[in-house]
Amino acid sequence: MQDIEAAHRLIVGSIRRNRDIAAAGIDGETFLMSIERGRYYALDAAATAVWQRLDLEPTGEALIAGLIADFQGDPVGIHGDVLALLHQWLEEGLVSIDA
């Protein structure tokens, strides 16, 4: 049940970047640093596209719809991949959700 509730929150809630995460872009990739956790993250081009779109604090639904419209690929696969990425970022404290 908890997974269904978490997925629902990711779809309908506004997704915000954690403002304490440092980010830098180099050669089309983005590197994130969580000082609080002492961890860094290297985002590939696809994850960078997701990270950049979070400037607008979209709902998960709007974020996924925009990515499906802009990138070629299986819509179901994009949907699943983005939800998995957002769930991971949520667990890592890189993003939060305002439901």
N, C-alpha and C. Protein backbone atom coordinates (compact mmCIF):
# COMPACT_ATOMS: atom_id res chain seq x y z
N MET A 1 0.82 -1.20 0.00
CA MET A 1 0.00 0.00 0.00
C MET A 1 0.86 1.26 0.00
N GLN A 2 1.93 1.23 0.75
CA GLN A 2 2.79 2.40 0.85
C GLN A 2 3.39 2.76 -0.52
N ASP A 3 3.75 1.77 -1.35
CA ASP A 3 4.31 2.05 -2.66
C ASP A 3 3.29 2.73 -3.56
N ILE A 4 2.03 2.33 -3.45
CA ILE A 4 0.98 2.95 -4.25
C ILE A 4 0.79 4.40 -3.83
N GLU A 5 0.79 4.65 -2.54
CA GLU A 5 0.65 6.02 -2.04
C GLU A 5 1.83 6.89 -2.46
N ALA A 6 3.04 6.34 -2.40
CA ALA A 6 4.23 7.09 -2.81
C ALA A 6 4.18 7.41 -4.30
N ALA A 7 3.78 6.44 -5.11
CA ALA A 7 3.68 6.67 -6.56
C ALA A 7 2.62 7.73 -6.85
N HIS A 8 1.51 7.68 -6.14
CA HIS A 8 0.45 8.68 -6.33
C HIS A 8 0.96 10.09 -5.99
N ARG A 9 1.68 10.20 -4.89
CA ARG A 9 2.25 11.51 -4.50
C ARG A 9 3.21 12.02 -5.57
N LEU A 10 4.02 11.11 -6.16
CA LEU A 10 4.95 11.51 -7.21
C LEU A 10 4.23 12.01 -8.45
N ILE A 11 3.06 11.47 -8.72
CA ILE A 11 2.31 11.87 -9.92
C ILE A 11 1.59 13.19 -9.71
N VAL A 12 0.91 13.37 -8.58
CA VAL A 12 0.04 14.54 -8.40
C VAL A 12 0.71 15.69 -7.65
N GLY A 13 1.77 15.43 -6.93
CA GLY A 13 2.41 16.48 -6.15
C GLY A 13 3.40 17.30 -6.96
N SER A 14 3.65 18.52 -6.52
CA SER A 14 4.68 19.36 -7.14
C SER A 14 6.04 18.90 -6.63
N ILE A 15 6.95 18.71 -7.56
CA ILE A 15 8.27 18.20 -7.21
C ILE A 15 9.25 19.36 -7.14
N ARG A 16 9.93 19.46 -6.01
CA ARG A 16 10.90 20.54 -5.79
C ARG A 16 12.29 19.97 -5.57
N ARG A 17 13.25 20.66 -6.11
CA ARG A 17 14.64 20.33 -5.80
C ARG A 17 14.94 20.72 -4.35
N ASN A 18 15.78 19.98 -3.72
CA ASN A 18 16.29 20.37 -2.41
C ASN A 18 17.27 21.53 -2.65
N ARG A 19 16.99 22.67 -2.07
CA ARG A 19 17.80 23.88 -2.32
C ARG A 19 19.21 23.78 -1.72
N ASP A 20 19.43 22.79 -0.87
CA ASP A 20 20.75 22.60 -0.28
C ASP A 20 21.68 21.74 -1.13
N ILE A 21 21.19 21.29 -2.27
CA ILE A 21 21.99 20.46 -3.18
C ILE A 21 22.73 21.37 -4.15
N ALA A 22 24.05 21.21 -4.18
CA ALA A 22 24.86 21.97 -5.13
C ALA A 22 24.84 21.23 -6.46
N ALA A 23 24.72 21.98 -7.57
CA ALA A 23 24.68 21.37 -8.90
C ALA A 23 25.61 22.12 -9.84
N ALA A 24 26.28 21.36 -10.70
CA ALA A 24 27.15 21.95 -11.72
C ALA A 24 27.02 21.13 -12.99
N GLY A 25 26.99 21.82 -14.12
CA GLY A 25 26.90 21.14 -15.40
C GLY A 25 28.23 21.16 -16.13
N ILE A 26 28.60 20.00 -16.68
CA ILE A 26 29.84 19.88 -17.45
C ILE A 26 29.59 18.94 -18.61
N ASP A 27 29.82 19.42 -19.83
CA ASP A 27 29.69 18.59 -21.04
C ASP A 27 28.37 17.83 -21.12
N GLY A 28 27.26 18.50 -20.85
CA GLY A 28 25.95 17.90 -20.99
C GLY A 28 25.53 17.00 -19.84
N GLU A 29 26.36 16.86 -18.84
CA GLU A 29 26.01 16.10 -17.65
C GLU A 29 25.90 17.04 -16.47
N THR A 30 25.19 16.61 -15.47
CA THR A 30 25.05 17.41 -14.26
C THR A 30 25.59 16.61 -13.09
N PHE A 31 26.28 17.29 -12.22
CA PHE A 31 26.84 16.68 -11.01
C PHE A 31 26.21 17.36 -9.81
N LEU A 32 25.69 16.56 -8.90
CA LEU A 32 25.03 17.06 -7.71
C LEU A 32 25.87 16.69 -6.49
N MET A 33 25.82 17.55 -5.48
CA MET A 33 26.54 17.28 -4.23
C MET A 33 25.62 17.55 -3.07
N SER A 34 25.45 16.53 -2.23
CA SER A 34 24.70 16.68 -0.99
C SER A 34 25.71 16.79 0.14
N ILE A 35 25.90 18.00 0.62
CA ILE A 35 26.82 18.22 1.72
C ILE A 35 26.32 17.49 2.97
N GLU A 36 25.01 17.56 3.19
CA GLU A 36 24.40 16.94 4.36
C GLU A 36 24.69 15.44 4.43
N ARG A 37 24.60 14.77 3.30
CA ARG A 37 24.82 13.32 3.26
C ARG A 37 26.26 12.96 2.88
N GLY A 38 27.03 13.94 2.45
CA GLY A 38 28.40 13.66 2.03
C GLY A 38 28.46 12.79 0.78
N ARG A 39 27.51 13.00 -0.14
CA ARG A 39 27.44 12.19 -1.35
C ARG A 39 27.38 13.08 -2.58
N TYR A 40 27.86 12.52 -3.69
CA TYR A 40 27.71 13.22 -4.95
C TYR A 40 27.06 12.28 -5.95
N TYR A 41 26.46 12.88 -6.96
CA TYR A 41 25.70 12.15 -7.96
C TYR A 41 26.08 12.68 -9.34
N ALA A 42 26.29 11.78 -10.28
CA ALA A 42 26.56 12.14 -11.67
C ALA A 42 25.32 11.78 -12.48
N LEU A 43 24.70 12.76 -13.10
CA LEU A 43 23.49 12.55 -13.88
C LEU A 43 23.84 12.45 -15.35
N ASP A 44 23.32 11.44 -16.02
CA ASP A 44 23.50 11.36 -17.46
C ASP A 44 22.59 12.37 -18.15
N ALA A 45 22.58 12.38 -19.47
CA ALA A 45 21.81 13.38 -20.21
C ALA A 45 20.32 13.28 -19.91
N ALA A 46 19.79 12.08 -19.81
CA ALA A 46 18.35 11.92 -19.54
C ALA A 46 18.00 12.43 -18.14
N ALA A 47 18.78 12.05 -17.14
CA ALA A 47 18.52 12.52 -15.77
C ALA A 47 18.73 14.02 -15.67
N THR A 48 19.68 14.55 -16.42
CA THR A 48 19.90 16.00 -16.45
C THR A 48 18.66 16.71 -17.00
N ALA A 49 18.04 16.14 -18.03
CA ALA A 49 16.81 16.74 -18.58
C ALA A 49 15.71 16.79 -17.52
N VAL A 50 15.61 15.73 -16.72
CA VAL A 50 14.62 15.71 -15.65
C VAL A 50 14.97 16.77 -14.61
N TRP A 51 16.22 16.81 -14.18
CA TRP A 51 16.67 17.76 -13.15
C TRP A 51 16.40 19.20 -13.58
N GLN A 52 16.71 19.52 -14.83
CA GLN A 52 16.52 20.88 -15.32
C GLN A 52 15.05 21.28 -15.33
N ARG A 53 14.17 20.36 -15.65
CA ARG A 53 12.73 20.65 -15.70
C ARG A 53 12.15 20.90 -14.31
N LEU A 54 12.87 20.52 -13.28
CA LEU A 54 12.37 20.75 -11.92
C LEU A 54 12.44 22.22 -11.52
N ASP A 55 13.05 23.06 -12.35
CA ASP A 55 13.05 24.51 -12.10
C ASP A 55 11.62 25.03 -11.93
N LEU A 56 10.70 24.45 -12.67
CA LEU A 56 9.31 24.91 -12.68
C LEU A 56 8.46 24.26 -11.60
N GLU A 57 9.05 23.37 -10.81
CA GLU A 57 8.34 22.62 -9.76
C GLU A 57 7.06 21.99 -10.30
N PRO A 58 7.20 21.18 -11.36
CA PRO A 58 6.02 20.58 -11.98
C PRO A 58 5.46 19.44 -11.13
N THR A 59 4.24 19.06 -11.45
CA THR A 59 3.74 17.81 -10.89
C THR A 59 4.46 16.69 -11.64
N GLY A 60 4.48 15.52 -11.07
CA GLY A 60 5.09 14.39 -11.76
C GLY A 60 4.41 14.13 -13.09
N GLU A 61 3.09 14.27 -13.10
CA GLU A 61 2.31 14.05 -14.32
C GLU A 61 2.74 15.01 -15.43
N ALA A 62 2.88 16.30 -15.10
CA ALA A 62 3.29 17.30 -16.09
C ALA A 62 4.73 17.05 -16.55
N LEU A 63 5.59 16.70 -15.62
CA LEU A 63 6.99 16.41 -15.95
C LEU A 63 7.07 15.25 -16.94
N ILE A 64 6.39 14.17 -16.63
CA ILE A 64 6.43 12.98 -17.49
C ILE A 64 5.81 13.28 -18.86
N ALA A 65 4.69 13.99 -18.88
CA ALA A 65 4.05 14.33 -20.16
C ALA A 65 4.99 15.16 -21.04
N GLY A 66 5.70 16.12 -20.43
CA GLY A 66 6.65 16.93 -21.20
C GLY A 66 7.80 16.11 -21.74
N LEU A 67 8.31 15.20 -20.95
CA LEU A 67 9.41 14.34 -21.41
C LEU A 67 8.96 13.41 -22.53
N ILE A 68 7.76 12.86 -22.41
CA ILE A 68 7.23 12.00 -23.47
C ILE A 68 7.06 12.79 -24.76
N ALA A 69 6.60 14.03 -24.66
CA ALA A 69 6.41 14.86 -25.85
C ALA A 69 7.73 15.25 -26.51
N ASP A 70 8.78 15.44 -25.70
CA ASP A 70 10.05 15.94 -26.23
C ASP A 70 11.05 14.87 -26.64
N PHE A 71 10.88 13.65 -26.12
CA PHE A 71 11.85 12.60 -26.40
C PHE A 71 11.17 11.42 -27.06
N GLN A 72 11.87 10.84 -28.03
CA GLN A 72 11.35 9.64 -28.66
C GLN A 72 11.60 8.46 -27.74
N GLY A 73 10.66 7.58 -27.72
CA GLY A 73 10.79 6.40 -26.88
C GLY A 73 9.43 5.89 -26.49
N ASP A 74 9.44 4.79 -25.83
CA ASP A 74 8.21 4.16 -25.37
C ASP A 74 7.64 4.98 -24.22
N PRO A 75 6.44 5.53 -24.38
CA PRO A 75 5.85 6.34 -23.31
C PRO A 75 5.73 5.60 -21.98
N VAL A 76 5.40 4.33 -22.03
CA VAL A 76 5.29 3.54 -20.80
C VAL A 76 6.66 3.40 -20.14
N GLY A 77 7.68 3.18 -20.96
CA GLY A 77 9.05 3.08 -20.43
C GLY A 77 9.52 4.39 -19.83
N ILE A 78 9.26 5.50 -20.52
CA ILE A 78 9.64 6.82 -19.99
C ILE A 78 8.93 7.07 -18.67
N HIS A 79 7.65 6.77 -18.63
CA HIS A 79 6.85 6.96 -17.41
C HIS A 79 7.48 6.19 -16.25
N GLY A 80 7.75 4.92 -16.47
CA GLY A 80 8.32 4.08 -15.41
C GLY A 80 9.70 4.52 -14.99
N ASP A 81 10.54 4.88 -15.97
CA ASP A 81 11.90 5.31 -15.66
C ASP A 81 11.92 6.60 -14.86
N VAL A 82 11.06 7.54 -15.24
CA VAL A 82 11.02 8.83 -14.53
C VAL A 82 10.50 8.64 -13.11
N LEU A 83 9.47 7.83 -12.95
CA LEU A 83 8.96 7.57 -11.60
C LEU A 83 10.03 6.91 -10.73
N ALA A 84 10.76 5.96 -11.28
CA ALA A 84 11.82 5.29 -10.52
C ALA A 84 12.91 6.28 -10.13
N LEU A 85 13.28 7.16 -11.07
CA LEU A 85 14.31 8.17 -10.78
C LEU A 85 13.83 9.13 -9.70
N LEU A 86 12.61 9.60 -9.81
CA LEU A 86 12.08 10.53 -8.81
C LEU A 86 11.98 9.87 -7.44
N HIS A 87 11.58 8.61 -7.41
CA HIS A 87 11.50 7.88 -6.15
C HIS A 87 12.90 7.77 -5.51
N GLN A 88 13.90 7.47 -6.32
CA GLN A 88 15.28 7.39 -5.81
C GLN A 88 15.73 8.75 -5.28
N TRP A 89 15.46 9.80 -6.04
CA TRP A 89 15.85 11.14 -5.61
C TRP A 89 15.14 11.54 -4.33
N LEU A 90 13.89 11.13 -4.20
CA LEU A 90 13.13 11.43 -2.99
C LEU A 90 13.77 10.73 -1.79
N GLU A 91 14.12 9.47 -1.95
CA GLU A 91 14.77 8.72 -0.87
C GLU A 91 16.13 9.30 -0.50
N GLU A 92 16.84 9.85 -1.48
CA GLU A 92 18.16 10.42 -1.26
C GLU A 92 18.09 11.86 -0.73
N GLY A 93 16.90 12.43 -0.70
CA GLY A 93 16.74 13.78 -0.22
C GLY A 93 17.10 14.85 -1.23
N LEU A 94 17.17 14.47 -2.51
CA LEU A 94 17.50 15.44 -3.55
C LEU A 94 16.28 16.27 -3.95
N VAL A 95 15.09 15.69 -3.77
CA VAL A 95 13.84 16.38 -4.08
C VAL A 95 12.86 16.18 -2.95
N SER A 96 11.82 16.99 -2.97
CA SER A 96 10.69 16.82 -2.05
C SER A 96 9.42 16.99 -2.86
N ILE A 97 8.30 16.58 -2.26
CA ILE A 97 7.02 16.65 -2.94
C ILE A 97 6.06 17.47 -2.08
N ASP A 98 5.41 18.43 -2.72
CA ASP A 98 4.34 19.18 -2.07
C ASP A 98 3.03 18.63 -2.62
N ALA A 99 2.36 17.85 -1.81
CA ALA A 99 1.12 17.20 -2.27
C ALA A 99 -0.09 18.08 -1.97
